[in-house]
């Protein structure tokens, strides 16, 4: 049913500056820049997913809605798009499992040269997705390909973080309803958290819950993104040289990994760069 992450959409105040920052962080230009009613966006395609950076454009309902959403919640991850082979079949399965979907629609983007791209998708009602914006995207007939990158270039997404106040609800949503493979359920008193790792294609959805707080019905929140790099020291040096604040390279929590943090410039998305064992 779900083959992986199609793309992750983030909403930002300053599209041009944020795209310029991601170009440095990723070591590559966006694959597509386009506009749609009320928004402009830049699309970075990787082998296992894409990042869609979105900014408001103009004075209309869509643009003002994006601005209002940023003012209320801040910049950062807006939504998670999951790739499916057959959207209508997926709709029937999900609705039988209690996931309510809005009508299927087509999103169209046009670039400066007049070329267009389309995505056919169906949004889940937030109450059916633990309070988050999640949607299901019909896979294209032709597979999307992207250069894996070498050296200091980011090669793809390792994991997306979701923070939950109700891990049992998350377990039911991602496991029983969406059918994702639960690879690990681990509680760590030292970290004060319970972590659930769901395999989603070539990446992982990492759901974290505090061990110190009681379960509640509060909506989940998107956390950050962890990106894979082949050469962390080179990647860090390149990003720092461009004036973007980064931490030193350090050992990761998972044995055999190295990580560093990009502290600014990523549109409100906590960003970790990771090298070593893949998710």
C-alpha atoms as a PDB file:
ATOM      1  CA  UNK A   1       0.000   0.000   0.000  1.00  0.00           C
ATOM      2  CA  UNK A   2       2.452   2.675   1.186  1.00  0.00           C
ATOM      3  CA  UNK A   3       5.791   2.392  -0.607  1.00  0.00           C
ATOM      4  CA  UNK A   4       7.665   5.174   1.209  1.00  0.00           C
ATOM      5  CA  UNK A   5       7.769   8.898   1.799  1.00  0.00           C
ATOM      6  CA  UNK A   6       6.881  10.854  -1.337  1.00  0.00           C
ATOM      7  CA  UNK A   7       7.779  14.258   0.078  1.00  0.00           C
ATOM      8  CA  UNK A   8       7.839  16.413   3.175  1.00  0.00           C
ATOM      9  CA  UNK A   9       6.449  19.943   2.867  1.00  0.00           C
ATOM     10  CA  UNK A  10       7.760  22.819   4.967  1.00  0.00           C
ATOM     11  CA  UNK A  11       6.335  26.346   5.143  1.00  0.00           C
ATOM     12  CA  UNK A  12       8.722  29.297   5.496  1.00  0.00           C
ATOM     13  CA  UNK A  13       8.581  33.074   5.700  1.00  0.00           C
ATOM     14  CA  UNK A  14      11.514  33.859   3.393  1.00  0.00           C
ATOM     15  CA  UNK A  15      11.473  31.366   0.541  1.00  0.00           C
ATOM     16  CA  UNK A  16      14.526  32.688  -1.311  1.00  0.00           C
ATOM     17  CA  UNK A  17      16.803  32.753   1.706  1.00  0.00           C
ATOM     18  CA  UNK A  18      15.649  29.364   2.962  1.00  0.00           C
ATOM     19  CA  UNK A  19      16.146  27.764  -0.454  1.00  0.00           C
ATOM     20  CA  UNK A  20      19.605  29.321  -0.660  1.00  0.00           C
ATOM     21  CA  UNK A  21      20.423  27.828   2.754  1.00  0.00           C
ATOM     22  CA  UNK A  22      19.171  24.368   1.791  1.00  0.00           C
ATOM     23  CA  UNK A  23      21.182  24.571  -1.428  1.00  0.00           C
ATOM     24  CA  UNK A  24      24.272  24.933   0.755  1.00  0.00           C
ATOM     25  CA  UNK A  25      23.209  22.256   3.259  1.00  0.00           C
ATOM     26  CA  UNK A  26      22.372  19.735   0.532  1.00  0.00           C
ATOM     27  CA  UNK A  27      25.234  20.703  -1.745  1.00  0.00           C
ATOM     28  CA  UNK A  28      22.898  20.952  -4.752  1.00  0.00           C
ATOM     29  CA  UNK A  29      20.324  23.153  -6.438  1.00  0.00           C
ATOM     30  CA  UNK A  30      16.593  22.362  -6.258  1.00  0.00           C
ATOM     31  CA  UNK A  31      15.280  20.097  -9.024  1.00  0.00           C
ATOM     32  CA  UNK A  32      12.200  22.241  -9.583  1.00  0.00           C
ATOM     33  CA  UNK A  33      11.053  25.759  -8.785  1.00  0.00           C
ATOM     34  CA  UNK A  34       7.491  26.678  -9.495  1.00  0.00           C
ATOM     35  CA  UNK A  35       4.361  28.492  -8.459  1.00  0.00           C
ATOM     36  CA  UNK A  36       0.739  27.627  -7.839  1.00  0.00           C
ATOM     37  CA  UNK A  37      -2.181  29.787  -6.704  1.00  0.00           C
ATOM     38  CA  UNK A  38      -1.032  31.524  -3.520  1.00  0.00           C
ATOM     39  CA  UNK A  39       2.390  29.902  -3.211  1.00  0.00           C
ATOM     40  CA  UNK A  40       5.845  29.511  -4.689  1.00  0.00           C
ATOM     41  CA  UNK A  41       7.975  26.493  -3.932  1.00  0.00           C
ATOM     42  CA  UNK A  42      11.294  24.726  -4.491  1.00  0.00           C
ATOM     43  CA  UNK A  43      11.550  20.944  -4.740  1.00  0.00           C
ATOM     44  CA  UNK A  44      14.680  19.005  -3.757  1.00  0.00           C
ATOM     45  CA  UNK A  45      14.462  15.407  -5.017  1.00  0.00           C
ATOM     46  CA  UNK A  46      16.439  12.627  -3.348  1.00  0.00           C
ATOM     47  CA  UNK A  47      16.576   8.908  -4.006  1.00  0.00           C
ATOM     48  CA  UNK A  48      14.160   8.070  -1.167  1.00  0.00           C
ATOM     49  CA  UNK A  49      11.936  11.192  -0.947  1.00  0.00           C
ATOM     50  CA  UNK A  50      11.757  14.921  -1.693  1.00  0.00           C
ATOM     51  CA  UNK A  51      11.712  18.113   0.352  1.00  0.00           C
ATOM     52  CA  UNK A  52       9.222  20.764  -0.775  1.00  0.00           C
ATOM     53  CA  UNK A  53       9.971  24.271   0.540  1.00  0.00           C
ATOM     54  CA  UNK A  54       6.892  26.500   0.299  1.00  0.00           C
ATOM     55  CA  UNK A  55       6.365  30.240   0.722  1.00  0.00           C
ATOM     56  CA  UNK A  56       3.244  32.411   0.432  1.00  0.00           C
ATOM     57  CA  UNK A  57       2.814  34.377  -2.794  1.00  0.00           C
ATOM     58  CA  UNK A  58       0.406  37.262  -3.288  1.00  0.00           C
ATOM     59  CA  UNK A  59      -2.633  38.423  -1.372  1.00  0.00           C
ATOM     60  CA  UNK A  60      -5.273  35.719  -1.587  1.00  0.00           C
ATOM     61  CA  UNK A  61      -6.914  33.052   0.536  1.00  0.00           C
ATOM     62  CA  UNK A  62      -4.180  30.452   0.062  1.00  0.00           C
ATOM     63  CA  UNK A  63      -1.285  32.846   0.629  1.00  0.00           C
ATOM     64  CA  UNK A  64      -2.887  34.424   3.672  1.00  0.00           C
ATOM     65  CA  UNK A  65      -3.655  30.961   5.031  1.00  0.00           C
ATOM     66  CA  UNK A  66       0.033  30.017   4.794  1.00  0.00           C
ATOM     67  CA  UNK A  67       1.042  33.238   6.555  1.00  0.00           C
ATOM     68  CA  UNK A  68      -1.557  32.720   9.294  1.00  0.00           C
ATOM     69  CA  UNK A  69      -0.407  29.135   9.802  1.00  0.00           C
ATOM     70  CA  UNK A  70       3.212  30.282  10.179  1.00  0.00           C
ATOM     71  CA  UNK A  71       2.222  33.018  12.608  1.00  0.00           C
ATOM     72  CA  UNK A  72       0.293  30.523  14.720  1.00  0.00           C
ATOM     73  CA  UNK A  73       2.635  27.542  14.617  1.00  0.00           C
ATOM     74  CA  UNK A  74       5.925  28.960  13.357  1.00  0.00           C
ATOM     75  CA  UNK A  75       7.988  27.879  10.387  1.00  0.00           C
ATOM     76  CA  UNK A  76       8.734  24.200   9.957  1.00  0.00           C
ATOM     77  CA  UNK A  77       7.282  20.948   8.729  1.00  0.00           C
ATOM     78  CA  UNK A  78       3.727  21.387   7.531  1.00  0.00           C
ATOM     79  CA  UNK A  79       2.909  17.949   6.176  1.00  0.00           C
ATOM     80  CA  UNK A  80       4.068  14.440   5.368  1.00  0.00           C
ATOM     81  CA  UNK A  81       3.208  12.942   1.986  1.00  0.00           C
ATOM     82  CA  UNK A  82       3.233   9.150   1.693  1.00  0.00           C
ATOM     83  CA  UNK A  83       3.663   7.469  -1.700  1.00  0.00           C
ATOM     84  CA  UNK A  84       1.145   4.806  -2.764  1.00  0.00           C
ATOM     85  CA  UNK A  85       0.899   2.641  -5.883  1.00  0.00           C
ATOM     86  CA  UNK A  86      -2.884   2.890  -6.249  1.00  0.00           C
ATOM     87  CA  UNK A  87      -4.469   5.892  -4.559  1.00  0.00           C
ATOM     88  CA  UNK A  88      -8.085   4.797  -4.903  1.00  0.00           C
ATOM     89  CA  UNK A  89      -7.360   1.298  -3.608  1.00  0.00           C
ATOM     90  CA  UNK A  90      -5.420   2.861  -0.741  1.00  0.00           C
ATOM     91  CA  UNK A  91      -8.361   5.136  -0.003  1.00  0.00           C
ATOM     92  CA  UNK A  92     -10.710   2.187   0.328  1.00  0.00           C
ATOM     93  CA  UNK A  93      -8.315   0.322   2.620  1.00  0.00           C
ATOM     94  CA  UNK A  94      -7.610   3.318   4.841  1.00  0.00           C
ATOM     95  CA  UNK A  95     -11.257   4.250   5.188  1.00  0.00           C
ATOM     96  CA  UNK A  96     -12.073   0.674   6.242  1.00  0.00           C
ATOM     97  CA  UNK A  97      -9.396   1.090   8.918  1.00  0.00           C
ATOM     98  CA  UNK A  98     -10.863   4.353  10.192  1.00  0.00           C
ATOM     99  CA  UNK A  99      -8.702   6.940   8.386  1.00  0.00           C
ATOM    100  CA  UNK A 100     -10.969   9.641   6.940  1.00  0.00           C
ATOM    101  CA  UNK A 101      -9.763  11.191   3.688  1.00  0.00           C
ATOM    102  CA  UNK A 102     -10.780  14.356   1.883  1.00  0.00           C
ATOM    103  CA  UNK A 103     -11.644  14.146  -1.834  1.00  0.00           C
ATOM    104  CA  UNK A 104      -8.779  13.322  -4.177  1.00  0.00           C
ATOM    105  CA  UNK A 105      -7.407  16.358  -6.000  1.00  0.00           C
ATOM    106  CA  UNK A 106      -4.582  17.348  -8.343  1.00  0.00           C
ATOM    107  CA  UNK A 107      -1.984  19.956  -7.378  1.00  0.00           C
ATOM    108  CA  UNK A 108      -0.327  21.696 -10.331  1.00  0.00           C
ATOM    109  CA  UNK A 109       2.871  23.720 -10.343  1.00  0.00           C
ATOM    110  CA  UNK A 110       4.229  25.840 -13.206  1.00  0.00           C
ATOM    111  CA  UNK A 111       7.813  27.024 -13.536  1.00  0.00           C
ATOM    112  CA  UNK A 112       9.154  30.221 -15.072  1.00  0.00           C
ATOM    113  CA  UNK A 113       9.423  28.565 -18.495  1.00  0.00           C
ATOM    114  CA  UNK A 114       5.791  27.461 -18.510  1.00  0.00           C
ATOM    115  CA  UNK A 115       6.452  23.773 -17.852  1.00  0.00           C
ATOM    116  CA  UNK A 116       4.128  22.070 -15.367  1.00  0.00           C
ATOM    117  CA  UNK A 117       4.203  19.265 -12.821  1.00  0.00           C
ATOM    118  CA  UNK A 118       1.241  17.539 -11.192  1.00  0.00           C
ATOM    119  CA  UNK A 119       0.665  15.535  -8.018  1.00  0.00           C
ATOM    120  CA  UNK A 120      -2.531  13.537  -7.421  1.00  0.00           C
ATOM    121  CA  UNK A 121      -3.191  13.214  -3.717  1.00  0.00           C
ATOM    122  CA  UNK A 122      -5.729  12.817  -0.932  1.00  0.00           C
ATOM    123  CA  UNK A 123      -5.425  14.542   2.435  1.00  0.00           C
ATOM    124  CA  UNK A 124      -6.311  12.751   5.643  1.00  0.00           C
ATOM    125  CA  UNK A 125      -8.480  14.634   8.081  1.00  0.00           C
ATOM    126  CA  UNK A 126      -6.191  15.714  10.904  1.00  0.00           C
ATOM    127  CA  UNK A 127      -8.303  13.960  13.526  1.00  0.00           C
ATOM    128  CA  UNK A 128      -7.588  10.731  11.614  1.00  0.00           C
ATOM    129  CA  UNK A 129      -3.829  11.350  11.570  1.00  0.00           C
ATOM    130  CA  UNK A 130      -3.122  12.115  15.238  1.00  0.00           C
ATOM    131  CA  UNK A 131      -3.686  15.819  14.586  1.00  0.00           C
ATOM    132  CA  UNK A 132      -1.081  16.093  11.813  1.00  0.00           C
ATOM    133  CA  UNK A 133      -1.248  17.106   8.154  1.00  0.00           C
ATOM    134  CA  UNK A 134      -0.670  13.847   6.265  1.00  0.00           C
ATOM    135  CA  UNK A 135      -1.570  12.968   2.709  1.00  0.00           C
ATOM    136  CA  UNK A 136      -1.254  10.126   0.242  1.00  0.00           C
ATOM    137  CA  UNK A 137       0.328  10.698  -3.168  1.00  0.00           C
ATOM    138  CA  UNK A 138      -0.211   8.610  -6.291  1.00  0.00           C
ATOM    139  CA  UNK A 139       3.149   7.361  -7.549  1.00  0.00           C
ATOM    140  CA  UNK A 140       3.933   8.508 -11.116  1.00  0.00           C
ATOM    141  CA  UNK A 141       4.002   6.015 -13.979  1.00  0.00           C
ATOM    142  CA  UNK A 142       7.715   6.685 -14.481  1.00  0.00           C
ATOM    143  CA  UNK A 143       9.883   6.223 -11.355  1.00  0.00           C
ATOM    144  CA  UNK A 144      11.399   9.417  -9.960  1.00  0.00           C
ATOM    145  CA  UNK A 145      15.182   9.254 -10.021  1.00  0.00           C
ATOM    146  CA  UNK A 146      17.782  11.402  -8.344  1.00  0.00           C
ATOM    147  CA  UNK A 147      21.543  11.374  -8.141  1.00  0.00           C
ATOM    148  CA  UNK A 148      22.593   9.789  -4.821  1.00  0.00           C
ATOM    149  CA  UNK A 149      25.371  12.328  -4.395  1.00  0.00           C
ATOM    150  CA  UNK A 150      28.928  11.722  -3.271  1.00  0.00           C
ATOM    151  CA  UNK A 151      31.346  13.072  -0.722  1.00  0.00           C
ATOM    152  CA  UNK A 152      29.957  15.898   1.365  1.00  0.00           C
ATOM    153  CA  UNK A 153      26.580  15.954  -0.457  1.00  0.00           C
ATOM    154  CA  UNK A 154      23.417  14.863   1.346  1.00  0.00           C
ATOM    155  CA  UNK A 155      22.285  11.548  -0.146  1.00  0.00           C
ATOM    156  CA  UNK A 156      18.777  11.246   1.309  1.00  0.00           C
ATOM    157  CA  UNK A 157      16.570  11.287   4.379  1.00  0.00           C
ATOM    158  CA  UNK A 158      17.388   9.021   7.305  1.00  0.00           C
ATOM    159  CA  UNK A 159      14.323   9.791   9.425  1.00  0.00           C
ATOM    160  CA  UNK A 160      11.593  12.254  10.278  1.00  0.00           C
ATOM    161  CA  UNK A 161      10.740  12.853  13.935  1.00  0.00           C
ATOM    162  CA  UNK A 162       7.176  12.954  15.245  1.00  0.00           C
ATOM    163  CA  UNK A 163       6.525  13.945  18.864  1.00  0.00           C
ATOM    164  CA  UNK A 164       3.492  12.346  20.458  1.00  0.00           C
ATOM    165  CA  UNK A 165       1.645  12.589  23.757  1.00  0.00           C
ATOM    166  CA  UNK A 166       0.029   9.216  23.093  1.00  0.00           C
ATOM    167  CA  UNK A 167       2.366   6.438  21.865  1.00  0.00           C
ATOM    168  CA  UNK A 168      -0.436   3.857  21.888  1.00  0.00           C
ATOM    169  CA  UNK A 169      -2.430   6.030  19.479  1.00  0.00           C
ATOM    170  CA  UNK A 170       0.664   6.439  17.300  1.00  0.00           C
ATOM    171  CA  UNK A 171       1.238   2.688  17.334  1.00  0.00           C
ATOM    172  CA  UNK A 172      -2.307   2.124  16.089  1.00  0.00           C
ATOM    173  CA  UNK A 173      -2.062   4.831  13.423  1.00  0.00           C
ATOM    174  CA  UNK A 174       1.307   4.045  11.837  1.00  0.00           C
ATOM    175  CA  UNK A 175       1.225   0.312  12.436  1.00  0.00           C
ATOM    176  CA  UNK A 176      -2.337  -1.016  12.286  1.00  0.00           C
ATOM    177  CA  UNK A 177      -3.896   1.641  10.042  1.00  0.00           C
ATOM    178  CA  UNK A 178      -1.078   2.692   7.708  1.00  0.00           C
ATOM    179  CA  UNK A 179       0.515  -0.757   7.735  1.00  0.00           C
ATOM    180  CA  UNK A 180       4.091   0.419   8.330  1.00  0.00           C
ATOM    181  CA  UNK A 181       6.647  -2.004   9.745  1.00  0.00           C
ATOM    182  CA  UNK A 182       7.459  -1.354  13.409  1.00  0.00           C
ATOM    183  CA  UNK A 183      11.197  -2.007  13.596  1.00  0.00           C
ATOM    184  CA  UNK A 184      11.839  -0.964  17.199  1.00  0.00           C
ATOM    185  CA  UNK A 185       9.947   0.006  20.357  1.00  0.00           C
ATOM    186  CA  UNK A 186      12.440   1.185  22.939  1.00  0.00           C
ATOM    187  CA  UNK A 187      12.146   3.051  26.235  1.00  0.00           C
ATOM    188  CA  UNK A 188      15.241   4.714  27.649  1.00  0.00           C
ATOM    189  CA  UNK A 189      15.084   6.121  31.163  1.00  0.00           C
ATOM    190  CA  UNK A 190      18.317   8.043  30.643  1.00  0.00           C
ATOM    191  CA  UNK A 191      16.819   9.920  27.697  1.00  0.00           C
ATOM    192  CA  UNK A 192      13.402  10.065  29.377  1.00  0.00           C
ATOM    193  CA  UNK A 193      11.665   8.886  26.240  1.00  0.00           C
ATOM    194  CA  UNK A 194       9.991   5.999  24.446  1.00  0.00           C
ATOM    195  CA  UNK A 195      10.874   5.718  20.767  1.00  0.00           C
ATOM    196  CA  UNK A 196       8.950   3.898  18.050  1.00  0.00           C
ATOM    197  CA  UNK A 197      10.696   3.347  14.718  1.00  0.00           C
ATOM    198  CA  UNK A 198       8.483   2.668  11.690  1.00  0.00           C
ATOM    199  CA  UNK A 199      10.144   1.725   8.409  1.00  0.00           C
ATOM    200  CA  UNK A 200       8.683   3.705   5.517  1.00  0.00           C
ATOM    201  CA  UNK A 201      10.366   2.766   2.265  1.00  0.00           C
ATOM    202  CA  UNK A 202      13.965   3.925   2.391  1.00  0.00           C
ATOM    203  CA  UNK A 203      13.524   6.048   5.513  1.00  0.00           C
ATOM    204  CA  UNK A 204      12.094   5.860   9.025  1.00  0.00           C
ATOM    205  CA  UNK A 205       9.302   7.665  10.875  1.00  0.00           C
ATOM    206  CA  UNK A 206      10.611   8.032  14.428  1.00  0.00           C
ATOM    207  CA  UNK A 207       7.859   8.661  16.978  1.00  0.00           C
ATOM    208  CA  UNK A 208       9.001   9.923  20.363  1.00  0.00           C
ATOM    209  CA  UNK A 209       7.058  10.170  23.623  1.00  0.00           C
ATOM    210  CA  UNK A 210       8.101  11.470  27.027  1.00  0.00           C
ATOM    211  CA  UNK A 211       8.266   8.909  29.825  1.00  0.00           C
ATOM    212  CA  UNK A 212       7.662  11.684  32.356  1.00  0.00           C
ATOM    213  CA  UNK A 213       4.293  12.869  31.050  1.00  0.00           C
ATOM    214  CA  UNK A 214       0.999  10.953  31.156  1.00  0.00           C
ATOM    215  CA  UNK A 215      -0.658   9.974  27.893  1.00  0.00           C
ATOM    216  CA  UNK A 216      -3.152  12.507  26.595  1.00  0.00           C
ATOM    217  CA  UNK A 217      -5.294  13.253  23.560  1.00  0.00           C
ATOM    218  CA  UNK A 218      -3.153  16.268  22.572  1.00  0.00           C
ATOM    219  CA  UNK A 219      -2.285  16.375  18.862  1.00  0.00           C
ATOM    220  CA  UNK A 220       1.088  15.097  17.710  1.00  0.00           C
ATOM    221  CA  UNK A 221       3.735  17.530  16.434  1.00  0.00           C
ATOM    222  CA  UNK A 222       6.378  17.197  13.769  1.00  0.00           C
ATOM    223  CA  UNK A 223       9.898  17.455  15.109  1.00  0.00           C
ATOM    224  CA  UNK A 224      12.966  17.504  12.899  1.00  0.00           C
ATOM    225  CA  UNK A 225      14.672  15.770   9.993  1.00  0.00           C
ATOM    226  CA  UNK A 226      17.847  13.709   9.939  1.00  0.00           C
ATOM    227  CA  UNK A 227      19.744  13.622   6.636  1.00  0.00           C
ATOM    228  CA  UNK A 228      22.358  11.122   5.492  1.00  0.00           C
ATOM    229  CA  UNK A 229      25.815  12.345   4.505  1.00  0.00           C
ATOM    230  CA  UNK A 230      28.762  10.309   3.299  1.00  0.00           C
ATOM    231  CA  UNK A 231      31.514  12.529   4.734  1.00  0.00           C
ATOM    232  CA  UNK A 232      30.385  14.422   7.838  1.00  0.00           C
ATOM    233  CA  UNK A 233      33.561  16.428   8.395  1.00  0.00           C
ATOM    234  CA  UNK A 234      33.590  17.653   4.801  1.00  0.00           C
ATOM    235  CA  UNK A 235      29.872  18.421   4.913  1.00  0.00           C
ATOM    236  CA  UNK A 236      30.236  20.358   8.149  1.00  0.00           C
ATOM    237  CA  UNK A 237      33.193  22.365   6.841  1.00  0.00           C
ATOM    238  CA  UNK A 238      31.363  23.275   3.630  1.00  0.00           C
ATOM    239  CA  UNK A 239      28.211  24.411   5.447  1.00  0.00           C
ATOM    240  CA  UNK A 240      30.158  26.369   8.083  1.00  0.00           C
ATOM    241  CA  UNK A 241      32.209  28.085   5.362  1.00  0.00           C
ATOM    242  CA  UNK A 242      28.960  29.442   3.907  1.00  0.00           C
ATOM    243  CA  UNK A 243      28.163  31.132   7.235  1.00  0.00           C
ATOM    244  CA  UNK A 244      25.496  28.711   8.464  1.00  0.00           C
ATOM    245  CA  UNK A 245      25.756  27.841  12.171  1.00  0.00           C
ATOM    246  CA  UNK A 246      26.627  24.176  12.728  1.00  0.00           C
ATOM    247  CA  UNK A 247      27.824  22.089  15.666  1.00  0.00           C
ATOM    248  CA  UNK A 248      30.980  20.026  15.786  1.00  0.00           C
ATOM    249  CA  UNK A 249      30.836  16.450  14.530  1.00  0.00           C
ATOM    250  CA  UNK A 250      30.153  14.021  17.393  1.00  0.00           C
ATOM    251  CA  UNK A 251      29.306  10.381  17.984  1.00  0.00           C
ATOM    252  CA  UNK A 252      25.673   9.504  17.362  1.00  0.00           C
ATOM    253  CA  UNK A 253      23.415   7.576  19.712  1.00  0.00           C
ATOM    254  CA  UNK A 254      23.490   4.601  17.381  1.00  0.00           C
ATOM    255  CA  UNK A 255      26.841   2.772  17.480  1.00  0.00           C
ATOM    256  CA  UNK A 256      28.992   3.430  14.440  1.00  0.00           C
ATOM    257  CA  UNK A 257      27.392   6.761  13.544  1.00  0.00           C
ATOM    258  CA  UNK A 258      28.595  10.352  13.510  1.00  0.00           C
ATOM    259  CA  UNK A 259      26.312  13.373  13.591  1.00  0.00           C
ATOM    260  CA  UNK A 260      26.308  17.142  13.622  1.00  0.00           C
ATOM    261  CA  UNK A 261      23.500  19.681  13.952  1.00  0.00           C
ATOM    262  CA  UNK A 262      22.596  22.490  11.568  1.00  0.00           C
ATOM    263  CA  UNK A 263      21.508  25.138  14.060  1.00  0.00           C
ATOM    264  CA  UNK A 264      20.003  27.772  11.764  1.00  0.00           C
ATOM    265  CA  UNK A 265      18.761  28.480   8.274  1.00  0.00           C
ATOM    266  CA  UNK A 266      16.543  25.435   7.708  1.00  0.00           C
ATOM    267  CA  UNK A 267      13.146  27.098   7.899  1.00  0.00           C
ATOM    268  CA  UNK A 268      12.423  26.232  11.511  1.00  0.00           C
ATOM    269  CA  UNK A 269      13.149  22.519  11.037  1.00  0.00           C
ATOM    270  CA  UNK A 270      15.523  20.971  13.623  1.00  0.00           C
ATOM    271  CA  UNK A 271      18.138  19.410  11.370  1.00  0.00           C
ATOM    272  CA  UNK A 272      20.591  16.602  12.049  1.00  0.00           C
ATOM    273  CA  UNK A 273      23.230  15.353   9.618  1.00  0.00           C
ATOM    274  CA  UNK A 274      24.086  11.689  10.069  1.00  0.00           C
ATOM    275  CA  UNK A 275      26.778   9.391   8.727  1.00  0.00           C
ATOM    276  CA  UNK A 276      27.279   5.699   9.348  1.00  0.00           C
ATOM    277  CA  UNK A 277      24.763   2.902   9.682  1.00  0.00           C
ATOM    278  CA  UNK A 278      21.652   3.579   7.664  1.00  0.00           C
ATOM    279  CA  UNK A 279      18.161   3.548   9.224  1.00  0.00           C
END
